[in-house]
Structures are given as structure tokens and as C-alpha cells.
Amino acid sequence: MTPDELAAKLKAHPFSAARETLMNRVVLTVLPFAQRATPVRTGTLRRSETTRVESGGLRGFIGSNLVYAPFIHRRVPFFQMAIDDSRADVQKVLEKAGDDFFKAVV
């Protein structure tokens, strides 16, 4: 396959179509790390943690809707800890997504 043929196939199969699914995989990969790092007294905060992905998949969020969650997070930054601790797993998710994308194109 020539470079021009590959470029044409890549243009016909945009990665943007897979972005939202990929971001869902990423936030769902990070969520268990956050739940393990969350301080527990009753378990309500840990159970309230959830994910959300913006339309188009450019941004994903992990959070809680509990009023006191930001105060606990300020003392123990469990969401940031989860992001840091899950980097290797997220990297694997991204590598697999890239491999799957190029297999579908080629």
C-alpha cells in the first residue's frame, strides 16, 4: 500500500468516530482506581462516584454529586490519585484503540 492510498483510507475512516467510545473506556478504567482511593466512613461517597463523557468524546469526567465530596477531595485528592495511579492501564487502553483503528483501516 502506498502512502497516498493509506492517507486516503485514513481520511475515509476518521478517528473522531471512535473518540467517544474511547473516552468512555478511559474514564471507566480510571473509576475503580478512584473508588479504591476514596476515604470510606459509610461508603456513600464511594458509591456516588460516576463518570460522564461530553458529546464527541473530547472530555471525560469522574466525580460525585454529593455536596461534601469537594471537601473530602481537598483533604485526600482521590480523583487525582486515581488519574496518576491508572496511567499504565489507560496507556494500554489507548494503545489497543490505536491498534484496532489501524487494523480496521488497513
Protein backbone atom coordinates (compact mmCIF):
# COMPACT_ATOMS: atom_id res chain seq x y z
CA MET A 1 0.00 0.00 0.00
CA THR A 2 1.38 3.38 -0.97
CA PRO A 3 1.42 6.33 1.42
CA ASP A 4 -1.25 8.06 -0.69
CA GLU A 5 -3.53 5.03 -0.50
CA LEU A 6 -3.07 4.84 3.27
CA ALA A 7 -3.79 8.56 3.62
CA ALA A 8 -6.99 8.16 1.59
CA LYS A 9 -8.13 5.26 3.79
CA LEU A 10 -7.38 7.20 6.96
CA LYS A 11 -9.34 10.18 5.67
CA ALA A 12 -12.31 7.97 4.79
CA HIS A 13 -12.26 6.37 8.27
CA PRO A 14 -11.90 9.28 10.73
CA PHE A 15 -10.76 8.54 14.26
CA SER A 16 -13.29 11.07 15.56
CA ALA A 17 -16.00 8.42 15.12
CA ALA A 18 -14.30 6.29 17.79
CA ARG A 19 -13.42 9.13 20.18
CA GLU A 20 -16.49 9.00 22.41
CA THR A 21 -16.28 5.23 22.88
CA LEU A 22 -12.58 5.54 23.64
CA MET A 23 -13.14 8.27 26.24
CA ASN A 24 -15.81 6.09 27.89
CA ARG A 25 -13.25 3.29 28.15
CA VAL A 26 -10.70 5.67 29.65
CA VAL A 27 -12.96 7.07 32.37
CA LEU A 28 -14.26 3.59 33.20
CA THR A 29 -10.65 2.46 33.52
CA VAL A 30 -9.86 5.27 35.97
CA LEU A 31 -13.06 4.97 38.06
CA PRO A 32 -12.07 1.83 40.04
CA PHE A 33 -8.78 3.47 40.98
CA ALA A 34 -10.74 6.45 42.35
CA GLN A 35 -13.10 4.23 44.27
CA ARG A 36 -10.21 2.35 45.88
CA ALA A 37 -8.54 5.63 46.89
CA THR A 38 -11.72 7.23 48.30
CA PRO A 39 -11.80 7.50 52.08
CA VAL A 40 -14.68 5.46 53.49
CA ARG A 41 -16.77 6.09 56.56
CA THR A 42 -20.20 4.96 55.36
CA GLY A 43 -19.45 4.11 51.72
CA THR A 44 -21.88 6.70 50.33
CA LEU A 45 -19.16 8.82 48.76
CA ARG A 46 -17.54 5.83 47.07
CA ARG A 47 -20.91 4.63 45.72
CA SER A 48 -21.72 8.11 44.40
CA GLU A 49 -18.68 8.28 42.14
CA THR A 50 -19.60 8.20 38.50
CA THR A 51 -18.37 9.15 35.03
CA ARG A 52 -19.57 11.40 32.25
CA VAL A 53 -18.27 11.93 28.70
CA GLU A 54 -19.07 15.01 26.65
CA SER A 55 -20.63 14.53 23.26
CA GLY A 56 -17.85 13.97 20.76
CA GLY A 57 -15.61 12.38 23.37
CA LEU A 58 -13.11 15.19 23.76
CA ARG A 59 -13.53 15.40 27.54
CA GLY A 60 -14.44 12.88 30.19
CA PHE A 61 -15.15 13.43 33.86
CA ILE A 62 -15.05 11.42 37.05
CA GLY A 63 -16.88 12.88 40.01
CA SER A 64 -19.55 12.76 42.64
CA ASN A 65 -22.79 14.67 43.11
CA LEU A 66 -22.52 14.69 46.90
CA VAL A 67 -22.30 18.14 48.49
CA TYR A 68 -19.43 17.15 50.76
CA ALA A 69 -17.31 15.42 48.10
CA PRO A 70 -15.16 18.50 47.30
CA PHE A 71 -14.29 18.93 50.98
CA ILE A 72 -13.14 15.32 51.29
CA HIS A 73 -11.28 15.60 47.98
CA ARG A 74 -9.46 18.71 49.19
CA ARG A 75 -8.14 16.70 52.15
CA VAL A 76 -7.46 13.47 50.18
CA PRO A 77 -7.22 14.14 46.40
CA PHE A 78 -8.53 10.68 45.46
CA PHE A 79 -9.54 11.62 41.91
CA GLN A 80 -6.07 12.98 41.13
CA MET A 81 -4.50 9.96 42.81
CA ALA A 82 -6.64 7.71 40.60
CA ILE A 83 -5.56 9.51 37.44
CA ASP A 84 -1.91 9.16 38.44
CA ASP A 85 -2.23 5.50 39.51
CA SER A 86 -4.14 4.42 36.39
CA ARG A 87 -1.75 5.85 33.81
CA ALA A 88 -0.35 2.46 32.79
CA ASP A 89 -3.85 0.97 32.37
CA VAL A 90 -5.06 4.00 30.41
CA GLN A 91 -1.98 3.74 28.18
CA LYS A 92 -2.92 0.11 27.39
CA VAL A 93 -6.48 1.19 26.52
CA LEU A 94 -5.14 3.88 24.18
CA GLU A 95 -2.66 1.53 22.53
CA LYS A 96 -5.36 -1.08 21.93
CA ALA A 97 -7.67 1.58 20.47
CA GLY A 98 -4.90 2.71 18.11
CA ASP A 99 -4.15 -0.85 17.06
CA ASP A 100 -7.84 -1.60 16.46
CA PHE A 101 -8.24 1.61 14.47
CA PHE A 102 -5.34 0.84 12.13
CA LYS A 103 -6.44 -2.78 11.71
CA ALA A 104 -9.86 -1.54 10.61
CA VAL A 105 -8.28 0.91 8.15
CA VAL A 106 -5.72 -1.44 6.66
